[in-house]
């Protein structure tokens, strides 16, 4: 599945989440790489994409602490160049027009991207 969207500024919370030891461990096991300490946020037009991903099911990041949610993780490749993971938090009212991309590198720097640029992600479903 190929998904194209525009890069948008996030809330800046993913770095703290990714740094939690149980999160890092599960992501390394499921994605087969050590994720960079943050996500690239991708705004997509079609909310059906998240619904399709949730229905398909991916690897599950299972919360190991109170106050955290489970998430689905899908492996893929961003811009045809870097292995990546898409994280879909399983929380009510999560923005259906947003995908969070993890990679082993800082994607904006590595790909020369900025907010507003389009990027394509290929998911391995």
PDB file of N, CA and C in Angstrom:
ATOM      1  N   UNK A   1       0.838  -1.169   0.000  1.00  0.00           N
ATOM      2  CA  UNK A   1       0.000   0.000   0.000  1.00  0.00           C
ATOM      3  C   UNK A   1       0.887   1.238   0.000  1.00  0.00           C
ATOM      4  N   UNK A   2       0.629   2.171  -0.930  1.00  0.00           N
ATOM      5  CA  UNK A   2       1.382   3.427  -0.983  1.00  0.00           C
ATOM      6  C   UNK A   2       0.491   4.561  -0.491  1.00  0.00           C
ATOM      7  N   UNK A   3       1.060   5.388   0.366  1.00  0.00           N
ATOM      8  CA  UNK A   3       0.347   6.509   0.961  1.00  0.00           C
ATOM      9  C   UNK A   3       1.188   7.759   0.762  1.00  0.00           C
ATOM     10  N   UNK A   4       0.575   8.804   0.243  1.00  0.00           N
ATOM     11  CA  UNK A   4       1.256  10.083   0.086  1.00  0.00           C
ATOM     12  C   UNK A   4       0.547  11.120   0.948  1.00  0.00           C
ATOM     13  N   UNK A   5       1.335  11.928   1.622  1.00  0.00           N
ATOM     14  CA  UNK A   5       0.771  12.986   2.455  1.00  0.00           C
ATOM     15  C   UNK A   5       1.749  14.124   2.594  1.00  0.00           C
ATOM     16  N   UNK A   6       1.309  15.152   3.298  1.00  0.00           N
ATOM     17  CA  UNK A   6       2.134  16.337   3.532  1.00  0.00           C
ATOM     18  C   UNK A   6       2.688  16.309   4.946  1.00  0.00           C
ATOM     19  N   UNK A   7       3.933  16.726   5.071  1.00  0.00           N
ATOM     20  CA  UNK A   7       4.586  16.773   6.379  1.00  0.00           C
ATOM     21  C   UNK A   7       4.014  17.954   7.172  1.00  0.00           C
ATOM     22  N   UNK A   8       3.629  17.645   8.415  1.00  0.00           N
ATOM     23  CA  UNK A   8       3.102  18.678   9.301  1.00  0.00           C
ATOM     24  C   UNK A   8       3.855  18.647  10.622  1.00  0.00           C
ATOM     25  N   UNK A   9       3.837  19.765  11.313  1.00  0.00           N
ATOM     26  CA  UNK A   9       4.491  19.863  12.609  1.00  0.00           C
ATOM     27  C   UNK A   9       3.672  19.094  13.632  1.00  0.00           C
ATOM     28  N   UNK A  10       4.379  18.320  14.475  1.00  0.00           N
ATOM     29  CA  UNK A  10       3.711  17.555  15.517  1.00  0.00           C
ATOM     30  C   UNK A  10       3.705  18.304  16.830  1.00  0.00           C
ATOM     31  N   UNK A  11       3.296  17.603  17.882  1.00  0.00           N
ATOM     32  CA  UNK A  11       3.223  18.196  19.210  1.00  0.00           C
ATOM     33  C   UNK A  11       4.543  18.132  19.967  1.00  0.00           C
ATOM     34  N   UNK A  12       5.507  17.376  19.431  1.00  0.00           N
ATOM     35  CA  UNK A  12       6.802  17.259  20.080  1.00  0.00           C
ATOM     36  C   UNK A  12       6.826  16.276  21.244  1.00  0.00           C
ATOM     37  N   UNK A  13       5.837  15.387  21.303  1.00  0.00           N
ATOM     38  CA  UNK A  13       5.743  14.443  22.412  1.00  0.00           C
ATOM     39  C   UNK A  13       6.328  13.067  22.104  1.00  0.00           C
ATOM     40  N   UNK A  14       6.549  12.760  20.849  1.00  0.00           N
ATOM     41  CA  UNK A  14       6.958  11.398  20.485  1.00  0.00           C
ATOM     42  C   UNK A  14       8.361  11.047  20.983  1.00  0.00           C
ATOM     43  N   UNK A  15       9.253  12.020  21.054  1.00  0.00           N
ATOM     44  CA  UNK A  15      10.619  11.720  21.500  1.00  0.00           C
ATOM     45  C   UNK A  15      10.615  11.162  22.914  1.00  0.00           C
ATOM     46  N   UNK A  16       9.826  11.748  23.790  1.00  0.00           N
ATOM     47  CA  UNK A  16       9.738  11.251  25.163  1.00  0.00           C
ATOM     48  C   UNK A  16       9.141   9.870  25.225  1.00  0.00           C
ATOM     49  N   UNK A  17       8.146   9.606  24.389  1.00  0.00           N
ATOM     50  CA  UNK A  17       7.504   8.293  24.356  1.00  0.00           C
ATOM     51  C   UNK A  17       8.467   7.229  23.845  1.00  0.00           C
ATOM     52  N   UNK A  18       9.161   7.539  22.762  1.00  0.00           N
ATOM     53  CA  UNK A  18      10.094   6.579  22.160  1.00  0.00           C
ATOM     54  C   UNK A  18      11.247   6.261  23.109  1.00  0.00           C
ATOM     55  N   UNK A  19      11.599   7.182  23.986  1.00  0.00           N
ATOM     56  CA  UNK A  19      12.714   6.978  24.916  1.00  0.00           C
ATOM     57  C   UNK A  19      12.373   6.054  26.088  1.00  0.00           C
ATOM     58  N   UNK A  20      11.105   5.727  26.276  1.00  0.00           N
ATOM     59  CA  UNK A  20      10.712   4.835  27.369  1.00  0.00           C
ATOM     60  C   UNK A  20      11.257   3.436  27.059  1.00  0.00           C
ATOM     61  N   UNK A  21      11.962   2.804  27.988  1.00  0.00           N
ATOM     62  CA  UNK A  21      12.617   1.527  27.701  1.00  0.00           C
ATOM     63  C   UNK A  21      11.707   0.444  27.118  1.00  0.00           C
ATOM     64  N   UNK A  22      10.513   0.245  27.651  1.00  0.00           N
ATOM     65  CA  UNK A  22       9.653  -0.821  27.117  1.00  0.00           C
ATOM     66  C   UNK A  22       9.154  -0.480  25.715  1.00  0.00           C
ATOM     67  N   UNK A  23       8.990   0.803  25.419  1.00  0.00           N
ATOM     68  CA  UNK A  23       8.579   1.219  24.073  1.00  0.00           C
ATOM     69  C   UNK A  23       9.720   0.958  23.096  1.00  0.00           C
ATOM     70  N   UNK A  24      10.923   1.399  23.451  1.00  0.00           N
ATOM     71  CA  UNK A  24      12.094   1.196  22.599  1.00  0.00           C
ATOM     72  C   UNK A  24      12.315  -0.279  22.310  1.00  0.00           C
ATOM     73  N   UNK A  25      12.216  -1.107  23.339  1.00  0.00           N
ATOM     74  CA  UNK A  25      12.438  -2.549  23.176  1.00  0.00           C
ATOM     75  C   UNK A  25      11.429  -3.156  22.199  1.00  0.00           C
ATOM     76  N   UNK A  26      10.149  -2.840  22.400  1.00  0.00           N
ATOM     77  CA  UNK A  26       9.126  -3.407  21.510  1.00  0.00           C
ATOM     78  C   UNK A  26       9.276  -2.896  20.076  1.00  0.00           C
ATOM     79  N   UNK A  27       9.605  -1.640  19.923  1.00  0.00           N
ATOM     80  CA  UNK A  27       9.758  -1.093  18.568  1.00  0.00           C
ATOM     81  C   UNK A  27      10.942  -1.721  17.853  1.00  0.00           C
ATOM     82  N   UNK A  28      12.051  -1.892  18.567  1.00  0.00           N
ATOM     83  CA  UNK A  28      13.220  -2.554  17.950  1.00  0.00           C
ATOM     84  C   UNK A  28      12.858  -3.963  17.510  1.00  0.00           C
ATOM     85  N   UNK A  29      12.133  -4.703  18.352  1.00  0.00           N
ATOM     86  CA  UNK A  29      11.744  -6.076  18.016  1.00  0.00           C
ATOM     87  C   UNK A  29      10.817  -6.113  16.800  1.00  0.00           C
ATOM     88  N   UNK A  30       9.874  -5.196  16.734  1.00  0.00           N
ATOM     89  CA  UNK A  30       8.855  -5.233  15.684  1.00  0.00           C
ATOM     90  C   UNK A  30       9.313  -4.574  14.377  1.00  0.00           C
ATOM     91  N   UNK A  31      10.118  -3.528  14.478  1.00  0.00           N
ATOM     92  CA  UNK A  31      10.545  -2.803  13.285  1.00  0.00           C
ATOM     93  C   UNK A  31      11.896  -3.254  12.749  1.00  0.00           C
ATOM     94  N   UNK A  32      12.666  -3.963  13.581  1.00  0.00           N
ATOM     95  CA  UNK A  32      13.996  -4.457  13.187  1.00  0.00           C
ATOM     96  C   UNK A  32      15.008  -3.326  13.003  1.00  0.00           C
ATOM     97  N   UNK A  33      14.773  -2.181  13.665  1.00  0.00           N
ATOM     98  CA  UNK A  33      15.753  -1.107  13.713  1.00  0.00           C
ATOM     99  C   UNK A  33      15.520  -0.296  14.983  1.00  0.00           C
ATOM    100  N   UNK A  34      16.545   0.467  15.371  1.00  0.00           N
ATOM    101  CA  UNK A  34      16.443   1.377  16.509  1.00  0.00           C
ATOM    102  C   UNK A  34      15.852   2.682  15.997  1.00  0.00           C
ATOM    103  N   UNK A  35      14.639   3.056  16.439  1.00  0.00           N
ATOM    104  CA  UNK A  35      14.039   4.278  15.908  1.00  0.00           C
ATOM    105  C   UNK A  35      14.736   5.541  16.396  1.00  0.00           C
ATOM    106  N   UNK A  36      14.838   6.515  15.494  1.00  0.00           N
ATOM    107  CA  UNK A  36      15.297   7.849  15.845  1.00  0.00           C
ATOM    108  C   UNK A  36      14.323   8.409  16.882  1.00  0.00           C
ATOM    109  N   UNK A  37      14.758   9.280  17.738  1.00  0.00           N
ATOM    110  CA  UNK A  37      13.947   9.801  18.836  1.00  0.00           C
ATOM    111  C   UNK A  37      12.896  10.817  18.439  1.00  0.00           C
ATOM    112  N   UNK A  38      12.012  10.471  17.555  1.00  0.00           N
ATOM    113  CA  UNK A  38      10.908  11.338  17.158  1.00  0.00           C
ATOM    114  C   UNK A  38      10.206  10.745  15.955  1.00  0.00           C
ATOM    115  N   UNK A  39       9.055  11.305  15.612  1.00  0.00           N
ATOM    116  CA  UNK A  39       8.320  10.827  14.445  1.00  0.00           C
ATOM    117  C   UNK A  39       8.194  11.939  13.416  1.00  0.00           C
ATOM    118  N   UNK A  40       8.008  11.537  12.178  1.00  0.00           N
ATOM    119  CA  UNK A  40       7.658  12.455  11.108  1.00  0.00           C
ATOM    120  C   UNK A  40       6.140  12.364  10.975  1.00  0.00           C
ATOM    121  N   UNK A  41       5.461  13.492  11.096  1.00  0.00           N
ATOM    122  CA  UNK A  41       4.000  13.501  11.042  1.00  0.00           C
ATOM    123  C   UNK A  41       3.537  13.782   9.625  1.00  0.00           C
ATOM    124  N   UNK A  42       2.674  12.910   9.142  1.00  0.00           N
ATOM    125  CA  UNK A  42       2.207  12.981   7.770  1.00  0.00           C
ATOM    126  C   UNK A  42       0.701  13.195   7.761  1.00  0.00           C
ATOM    127  N   UNK A  43       0.251  14.326   7.197  1.00  0.00           N
ATOM    128  CA  UNK A  43      -1.179  14.601   7.059  1.00  0.00           C
ATOM    129  C   UNK A  43      -1.665  13.954   5.774  1.00  0.00           C
ATOM    130  N   UNK A  44      -2.696  13.137   5.909  1.00  0.00           N
ATOM    131  CA  UNK A  44      -3.272  12.457   4.753  1.00  0.00           C
ATOM    132  C   UNK A  44      -4.712  12.930   4.559  1.00  0.00           C
ATOM    133  N   UNK A  45      -5.165  12.954   3.322  1.00  0.00           N
ATOM    134  CA  UNK A  45      -6.516  13.450   3.046  1.00  0.00           C
ATOM    135  C   UNK A  45      -7.589  12.427   3.374  1.00  0.00           C
ATOM    136  N   UNK A  46      -7.315  11.164   3.162  1.00  0.00           N
ATOM    137  CA  UNK A  46      -8.339  10.130   3.267  1.00  0.00           C
ATOM    138  C   UNK A  46      -8.324   9.448   4.637  1.00  0.00           C
ATOM    139  N   UNK A  47      -9.341   9.699   5.482  1.00  0.00           N
ATOM    140  CA  UNK A  47      -9.381   9.053   6.797  1.00  0.00           C
ATOM    141  C   UNK A  47      -9.596   7.545   6.703  1.00  0.00           C
ATOM    142  N   UNK A  48      -9.994   7.073   5.547  1.00  0.00           N
ATOM    143  CA  UNK A  48     -10.224   5.637   5.363  1.00  0.00           C
ATOM    144  C   UNK A  48      -8.920   4.846   5.498  1.00  0.00           C
ATOM    145  N   UNK A  49      -7.784   5.489   5.243  1.00  0.00           N
ATOM    146  CA  UNK A  49      -6.497   4.797   5.328  1.00  0.00           C
ATOM    147  C   UNK A  49      -6.273   4.269   6.740  1.00  0.00           C
ATOM    148  N   UNK A  50      -6.505   5.084   7.751  1.00  0.00           N
ATOM    149  CA  UNK A  50      -6.344   4.597   9.125  1.00  0.00           C
ATOM    150  C   UNK A  50      -7.329   3.475   9.431  1.00  0.00           C
ATOM    151  N   UNK A  51      -8.542   3.601   8.939  1.00  0.00           N
ATOM    152  CA  UNK A  51      -9.542   2.547   9.174  1.00  0.00           C
ATOM    153  C   UNK A  51      -9.097   1.233   8.529  1.00  0.00           C
ATOM    154  N   UNK A  52      -8.532   1.324   7.335  1.00  0.00           N
ATOM    155  CA  UNK A  52      -8.040   0.120   6.646  1.00  0.00           C
ATOM    156  C   UNK A  52      -6.893  -0.499   7.447  1.00  0.00           C
ATOM    157  N   UNK A  53      -5.977   0.328   7.916  1.00  0.00           N
ATOM    158  CA  UNK A  53      -4.852  -0.186   8.693  1.00  0.00           C
ATOM    159  C   UNK A  53      -5.334  -0.853   9.971  1.00  0.00           C
ATOM    160  N   UNK A  54      -6.271  -0.233  10.665  1.00  0.00           N
ATOM    161  CA  UNK A  54      -6.797  -0.817  11.904  1.00  0.00           C
ATOM    162  C   UNK A  54      -7.505  -2.139  11.621  1.00  0.00           C
ATOM    163  N   UNK A  55      -8.246  -2.210  10.521  1.00  0.00           N
ATOM    164  CA  UNK A  55      -8.943  -3.448  10.167  1.00  0.00           C
ATOM    165  C   UNK A  55      -7.952  -4.541   9.772  1.00  0.00           C
ATOM    166  N   UNK A  56      -6.877  -4.154   9.098  1.00  0.00           N
ATOM    167  CA  UNK A  56      -5.875  -5.131   8.668  1.00  0.00           C
ATOM    168  C   UNK A  56      -5.110  -5.664   9.869  1.00  0.00           C
ATOM    169  N   UNK A  57      -4.868  -4.790  10.810  1.00  0.00           N
ATOM    170  CA  UNK A  57      -4.087  -5.177  11.992  1.00  0.00           C
ATOM    171  C   UNK A  57      -2.622  -5.283  11.631  1.00  0.00           C
ATOM    172  N   UNK A  58      -1.804  -4.842  12.514  1.00  0.00           N
ATOM    173  CA  UNK A  58      -0.360  -4.925  12.319  1.00  0.00           C
ATOM    174  C   UNK A  58       0.246  -5.507  13.571  1.00  0.00           C
ATOM    175  N   UNK A  59       1.540  -5.364  13.703  1.00  0.00           N
ATOM    176  CA  UNK A  59       2.160  -5.726  14.975  1.00  0.00           C
ATOM    177  C   UNK A  59       1.602  -4.785  16.023  1.00  0.00           C
ATOM    178  N   UNK A  60       1.451  -5.291  17.214  1.00  0.00           N
ATOM    179  CA  UNK A  60       0.852  -4.475  18.276  1.00  0.00           C
ATOM    180  C   UNK A  60       1.902  -4.072  19.297  1.00  0.00           C
ATOM    181  N   UNK A  61       1.971  -2.778  19.544  1.00  0.00           N
ATOM    182  CA  UNK A  61       2.772  -2.253  20.634  1.00  0.00           C
ATOM    183  C   UNK A  61       1.861  -2.295  21.857  1.00  0.00           C
ATOM    184  N   UNK A  62       2.222  -3.111  22.825  1.00  0.00           N
ATOM    185  CA  UNK A  62       1.375  -3.318  23.998  1.00  0.00           C
ATOM    186  C   UNK A  62       1.858  -2.475  25.168  1.00  0.00           C
ATOM    187  N   UNK A  63       0.963  -1.662  25.681  1.00  0.00           N
ATOM    188  CA  UNK A  63       1.291  -0.791  26.802  1.00  0.00           C
ATOM    189  C   UNK A  63       1.703  -1.609  28.013  1.00  0.00           C
ATOM    190  N   UNK A  64       2.768  -1.179  28.662  1.00  0.00           N
ATOM    191  CA  UNK A  64       3.253  -1.840  29.864  1.00  0.00           C
ATOM    192  C   UNK A  64       3.166  -0.921  31.080  1.00  0.00           C
ATOM    193  N   UNK A  65       2.444   0.196  30.935  1.00  0.00           N
ATOM    194  CA  UNK A  65       2.335   1.131  32.046  1.00  0.00           C
ATOM    195  C   UNK A  65       0.986   1.849  31.983  1.00  0.00           C
ATOM    196  N   UNK A  66       0.461   2.174  33.146  1.00  0.00           N
ATOM    197  CA  UNK A  66      -0.792   2.911  33.221  1.00  0.00           C
ATOM    198  C   UNK A  66      -0.642   4.267  32.539  1.00  0.00           C
ATOM    199  N   UNK A  67      -1.710   4.696  31.907  1.00  0.00           N
ATOM    200  CA  UNK A  67      -1.695   6.003  31.253  1.00  0.00           C
ATOM    201  C   UNK A  67      -1.215   5.981  29.818  1.00  0.00           C
ATOM    202  N   UNK A  68      -0.827   4.802  29.318  1.00  0.00           N
ATOM    203  CA  UNK A  68      -0.384   4.669  27.937  1.00  0.00           C
ATOM    204  C   UNK A  68      -1.365   3.790  27.174  1.00  0.00           C
ATOM    205  N   UNK A  69      -1.386   3.942  25.864  1.00  0.00           N
ATOM    206  CA  UNK A  69      -2.294   3.155  25.039  1.00  0.00           C
ATOM    207  C   UNK A  69      -1.508   2.148  24.210  1.00  0.00           C
ATOM    208  N   UNK A  70      -2.208   1.150  23.694  1.00  0.00           N
ATOM    209  CA  UNK A  70      -1.625   0.258  22.703  1.00  0.00           C
ATOM    210  C   UNK A  70      -1.590   0.996  21.362  1.00  0.00           C
ATOM    211  N   UNK A  71      -0.813   0.468  20.435  1.00  0.00           N
ATOM    212  CA  UNK A  71      -0.745   1.036  19.090  1.00  0.00           C
ATOM    213  C   UNK A  71      -0.471  -0.082  18.103  1.00  0.00           C
ATOM    214  N   UNK A  72      -0.852   0.139  16.864  1.00  0.00           N
ATOM    215  CA  UNK A  72      -0.495  -0.778  15.786  1.00  0.00           C
ATOM    216  C   UNK A  72       0.736  -0.219  15.087  1.00  0.00           C
ATOM    217  N   UNK A  73       1.616  -1.122  14.661  1.00  0.00           N
ATOM    218  CA  UNK A  73       2.840  -0.727  13.974  1.00  0.00           C
ATOM    219  C   UNK A  73       2.920  -1.487  12.655  1.00  0.00           C
ATOM    220  N   UNK A  74       3.188  -0.752  11.587  1.00  0.00           N
ATOM    221  CA  UNK A  74       3.304  -1.331  10.255  1.00  0.00           C
ATOM    222  C   UNK A  74       4.669  -0.986   9.689  1.00  0.00           C
ATOM    223  N   UNK A  75       5.356  -1.973   9.126  1.00  0.00           N
ATOM    224  CA  UNK A  75       6.665  -1.735   8.516  1.00  0.00           C
ATOM    225  C   UNK A  75       6.498  -1.236   7.093  1.00  0.00           C
ATOM    226  N   UNK A  76       7.493  -0.464   6.641  1.00  0.00           N
ATOM    227  CA  UNK A  76       7.442   0.051   5.287  1.00  0.00           C
ATOM    228  C   UNK A  76       8.740   0.718   4.891  1.00  0.00           C
ATOM    229  N   UNK A  77       8.639   1.534   3.847  1.00  0.00           N
ATOM    230  CA  UNK A  77       9.792   2.284   3.341  1.00  0.00           C
ATOM    231  C   UNK A  77       9.292   3.683   2.987  1.00  0.00           C
ATOM    232  N   UNK A  78      10.044   4.691   3.407  1.00  0.00           N
ATOM    233  CA  UNK A  78       9.664   6.072   3.146  1.00  0.00           C
ATOM    234  C   UNK A  78      10.542   6.641   2.033  1.00  0.00           C
ATOM    235  N   UNK A  79       9.889   7.328   1.100  1.00  0.00           N
ATOM    236  CA  UNK A  79      10.561   7.972  -0.034  1.00  0.00           C
ATOM    237  C   UNK A  79      11.415   6.986  -0.828  1.00  0.00           C
ATOM    238  N   UNK A  80      11.065   5.712  -0.774  1.00  0.00           N
ATOM    239  CA  UNK A  80      11.809   4.690  -1.498  1.00  0.00           C
ATOM    240  C   UNK A  80      13.226   4.487  -0.996  1.00  0.00           C
ATOM    241  N   UNK A  81      13.539   5.035   0.197  1.00  0.00           N
ATOM    242  CA  UNK A  81      14.927   5.043   0.628  1.00  0.00           C
ATOM    243  C   UNK A  81      15.178   4.444   2.007  1.00  0.00           C
ATOM    244  N   UNK A  82      14.361   4.775   3.002  1.00  0.00           N
ATOM    245  CA  UNK A  82      14.620   4.350   4.377  1.00  0.00           C
ATOM    246  C   UNK A  82      13.526   3.425   4.901  1.00  0.00           C
ATOM    247  N   UNK A  83      13.957   2.345   5.564  1.00  0.00           N
ATOM    248  CA  UNK A  83      12.999   1.510   6.271  1.00  0.00           C
ATOM    249  C   UNK A  83      12.293   2.384   7.296  1.00  0.00           C
ATOM    250  N   UNK A  84      11.022   2.093   7.525  1.00  0.00           N
ATOM    251  CA  UNK A  84      10.277   2.906   8.469  1.00  0.00           C
ATOM    252  C   UNK A  84       9.179   2.091   9.126  1.00  0.00           C
ATOM    253  N   UNK A  85       8.533   2.707  10.054  1.00  0.00           N
ATOM    254  CA  UNK A  85       7.363   2.137  10.692  1.00  0.00           C
ATOM    255  C   UNK A  85       6.299   3.208  10.797  1.00  0.00           C
ATOM    256  N   UNK A  86       5.057   2.813  10.603  1.00  0.00           N
ATOM    257  CA  UNK A  86       3.921   3.704  10.819  1.00  0.00           C
ATOM    258  C   UNK A  86       3.292   3.285  12.134  1.00  0.00           C
ATOM    259  N   UNK A  87       3.071   4.240  13.015  1.00  0.00           N
ATOM    260  CA  UNK A  87       2.459   3.974  14.315  1.00  0.00           C
ATOM    261  C   UNK A  87       1.046   4.552  14.310  1.00  0.00           C
ATOM    262  N   UNK A  88       0.066   3.707  14.647  1.00  0.00           N
ATOM    263  CA  UNK A  88      -1.323   4.141  14.757  1.00  0.00           C
ATOM    264  C   UNK A  88      -1.766   3.920  16.203  1.00  0.00           C
ATOM    265  N   UNK A  89      -1.772   4.981  17.019  1.00  0.00           N
ATOM    266  CA  UNK A  89      -2.212   4.833  18.411  1.00  0.00           C
ATOM    267  C   UNK A  89      -3.673   4.395  18.474  1.00  0.00           C
ATOM    268  N   UNK A  90      -3.966   3.489  19.369  1.00  0.00           N
ATOM    269  CA  UNK A  90      -5.330   2.987  19.516  1.00  0.00           C
ATOM    270  C   UNK A  90      -6.018   3.745  20.653  1.00  0.00           C
ATOM    271  N   UNK A  91      -6.321   4.999  20.375  1.00  0.00           N
ATOM    272  CA  UNK A  91      -7.014   5.854  21.330  1.00  0.00           C
ATOM    273  C   UNK A  91      -8.233   6.463  20.645  1.00  0.00           C
ATOM    274  N   UNK A  92      -9.293   6.669  21.420  1.00  0.00           N
ATOM    275  CA  UNK A  92     -10.470   7.320  20.831  1.00  0.00           C
ATOM    276  C   UNK A  92     -10.111   8.731  20.361  1.00  0.00           C
ATOM    277  N   UNK A  93     -10.727   9.134  19.290  1.00  0.00           N
ATOM    278  CA  UNK A  93     -10.594  10.495  18.761  1.00  0.00           C
ATOM    279  C   UNK A  93      -9.195  10.845  18.264  1.00  0.00           C
ATOM    280  N   UNK A  94      -8.362   9.826  17.980  1.00  0.00           N
ATOM    281  CA  UNK A  94      -7.057  10.121  17.385  1.00  0.00           C
ATOM    282  C   UNK A  94      -7.297  10.648  15.970  1.00  0.00           C
ATOM    283  N   UNK A  95      -6.592  11.674  15.590  1.00  0.00           N
ATOM    284  CA  UNK A  95      -6.769  12.329  14.292  1.00  0.00           C
ATOM    285  C   UNK A  95      -6.617  11.322  13.146  1.00  0.00           C
ATOM    286  N   UNK A  96      -7.715  11.066  12.422  1.00  0.00           N
ATOM    287  CA  UNK A  96      -7.705  10.088  11.325  1.00  0.00           C
ATOM    288  C   UNK A  96      -6.975  10.593  10.088  1.00  0.00           C
ATOM    289  N   UNK A  97      -6.573  11.830  10.107  1.00  0.00           N
ATOM    290  CA  UNK A  97      -5.844  12.406   8.969  1.00  0.00           C
ATOM    291  C   UNK A  97      -4.358  12.510   9.253  1.00  0.00           C
ATOM    292  N   UNK A  98      -3.869  11.770  10.262  1.00  0.00           N
ATOM    293  CA  UNK A  98      -2.471  11.847  10.661  1.00  0.00           C
ATOM    294  C   UNK A  98      -1.850  10.458  10.742  1.00  0.00           C
ATOM    295  N   UNK A  99      -0.655  10.330  10.195  1.00  0.00           N
ATOM    296  CA  UNK A  99       0.151   9.124  10.366  1.00  0.00           C
ATOM    297  C   UNK A  99       1.490   9.552  10.951  1.00  0.00           C
ATOM    298  N   UNK A 100       2.003   8.755  11.872  1.00  0.00           N
ATOM    299  CA  UNK A 100       3.293   9.036  12.488  1.00  0.00           C
ATOM    300  C   UNK A 100       4.302   8.020  11.961  1.00  0.00           C
ATOM    301  N   UNK A 101       5.401   8.522  11.424  1.00  0.00           N
ATOM    302  CA  UNK A 101       6.414   7.677  10.799  1.00  0.00           C
ATOM    303  C   UNK A 101       7.669   7.641  11.669  1.00  0.00           C
ATOM    304  N   UNK A 102       8.121   6.437  11.948  1.00  0.00           N
ATOM    305  CA  UNK A 102       9.386   6.207  12.659  1.00  0.00           C
ATOM    306  C   UNK A 102      10.418   5.720  11.656  1.00  0.00           C
ATOM    307  N   UNK A 103      11.662   6.082  11.868  1.00  0.00           N
ATOM    308  CA  UNK A 103      12.751   5.602  11.015  1.00  0.00           C
ATOM    309  C   UNK A 103      14.033   5.575  11.842  1.00  0.00           C
ATOM    310  N   UNK A 104      15.065   4.909  11.345  1.00  0.00           N
ATOM    311  CA  UNK A 104      16.324   4.873  12.077  1.00  0.00           C
ATOM    312  C   UNK A 104      17.130   6.176  11.962  1.00  0.00           C
ATOM    313  N   UNK A 105      16.629   7.124  11.176  1.00  0.00           N
ATOM    314  CA  UNK A 105      17.309   8.402  10.962  1.00  0.00           C
ATOM    315  C   UNK A 105      16.311   9.542  11.140  1.00  0.00           C
ATOM    316  N   UNK A 106      16.822  10.762  11.276  1.00  0.00           N
ATOM    317  CA  UNK A 106      15.974  11.954  11.288  1.00  0.00           C
ATOM    318  C   UNK A 106      15.555  12.192   9.833  1.00  0.00           C
ATOM    319  N   UNK A 107      14.306  11.908   9.511  1.00  0.00           N
ATOM    320  CA  UNK A 107      13.872  11.903   8.116  1.00  0.00           C
ATOM    321  C   UNK A 107      13.911  13.276   7.451  1.00  0.00           C
ATOM    322  N   UNK A 108      13.518  14.313   8.149  1.00  0.00           N
ATOM    323  CA  UNK A 108      13.547  15.644   7.520  1.00  0.00           C
ATOM    324  C   UNK A 108      14.965  16.002   7.085  1.00  0.00           C
ATOM    325  N   UNK A 109      15.927  15.774   7.969  1.00  0.00           N
ATOM    326  CA  UNK A 109      17.319  16.084   7.627  1.00  0.00           C
ATOM    327  C   UNK A 109      17.853  15.158   6.545  1.00  0.00           C
ATOM    328  N   UNK A 110      17.614  13.863   6.706  1.00  0.00           N
ATOM    329  CA  UNK A 110      18.180  12.874   5.776  1.00  0.00           C
ATOM    330  C   UNK A 110      17.615  12.995   4.373  1.00  0.00           C
ATOM    331  N   UNK A 111      16.351  13.406   4.254  1.00  0.00           N
ATOM    332  CA  UNK A 111      15.718  13.522   2.940  1.00  0.00           C
ATOM    333  C   UNK A 111      15.605  14.968   2.460  1.00  0.00           C
ATOM    334  N   UNK A 112      16.094  15.917   3.274  1.00  0.00           N
ATOM    335  CA  UNK A 112      16.019  17.331   2.894  1.00  0.00           C
ATOM    336  C   UNK A 112      14.582  17.827   2.802  1.00  0.00           C
ATOM    337  N   UNK A 113      13.734  17.419   3.755  1.00  0.00           N
ATOM    338  CA  UNK A 113      12.316  17.775   3.735  1.00  0.00           C
ATOM    339  C   UNK A 113      12.014  18.868   4.754  1.00  0.00           C
ATOM    340  N   UNK A 114      10.887  19.538   4.523  1.00  0.00           N
ATOM    341  CA  UNK A 114      10.395  20.534   5.478  1.00  0.00           C
ATOM    342  C   UNK A 114       8.871  20.415   5.569  1.00  0.00           C
ATOM    343  N   UNK A 115       8.299  21.056   6.588  1.00  0.00           N
ATOM    344  CA  UNK A 115       6.845  21.048   6.732  1.00  0.00           C
ATOM    345  C   UNK A 115       6.207  21.539   5.440  1.00  0.00           C
ATOM    346  N   UNK A 116       5.148  20.849   5.015  1.00  0.00           N
ATOM    347  CA  UNK A 116       4.443  21.190   3.782  1.00  0.00           C
ATOM    348  C   UNK A 116       4.869  20.364   2.583  1.00  0.00           C
ATOM    349  N   UNK A 117       6.061  19.744   2.638  1.00  0.00           N
ATOM    350  CA  UNK A 117       6.511  18.881   1.546  1.00  0.00           C
ATOM    351  C   UNK A 117       5.695  17.594   1.528  1.00  0.00           C
ATOM    352  N   UNK A 118       5.547  17.023   0.344  1.00  0.00           N
ATOM    353  CA  UNK A 118       4.880  15.723   0.213  1.00  0.00           C
ATOM    354  C   UNK A 118       5.912  14.612   0.263  1.00  0.00           C
ATOM    355  N   UNK A 119       5.494  13.489   0.836  1.00  0.00           N
ATOM    356  CA  UNK A 119       6.345  12.316   0.878  1.00  0.00           C
ATOM    357  C   UNK A 119       5.451  11.079   0.741  1.00  0.00           C
ATOM    358  N   UNK A 120       6.014  10.031   0.140  1.00  0.00           N
ATOM    359  CA  UNK A 120       5.266   8.787  -0.050  1.00  0.00           C
ATOM    360  C   UNK A 120       5.877   7.687   0.805  1.00  0.00           C
ATOM    361  N   UNK A 121       4.994   6.936   1.431  1.00  0.00           N
ATOM    362  CA  UNK A 121       5.388   5.797   2.255  1.00  0.00           C
ATOM    363  C   UNK A 121       4.760   4.550   1.646  1.00  0.00           C
ATOM    364  N   UNK A 122       5.579   3.510   1.480  1.00  0.00           N
ATOM    365  CA  UNK A 122       5.074   2.216   1.021  1.00  0.00           C
ATOM    366  C   UNK A 122       5.016   1.299   2.217  1.00  0.00           C
ATOM    367  N   UNK A 123       3.821   0.781   2.512  1.00  0.00           N
ATOM    368  CA  UNK A 123       3.661  -0.130   3.651  1.00  0.00           C
ATOM    369  C   UNK A 123       3.660  -1.566   3.177  1.00  0.00           C
ATOM    370  N   UNK A 124       4.274  -2.448   3.992  1.00  0.00           N
ATOM    371  CA  UNK A 124       4.292  -3.880   3.696  1.00  0.00           C
ATOM    372  C   UNK A 124       3.158  -4.519   4.476  1.00  0.00           C
ATOM    373  N   UNK A 125       2.009  -4.691   3.847  1.00  0.00           N
ATOM    374  CA  UNK A 125       0.873  -5.306   4.528  1.00  0.00           C
ATOM    375  C   UNK A 125       0.794  -6.790   4.253  1.00  0.00           C
TER     376      UNK A 125
END
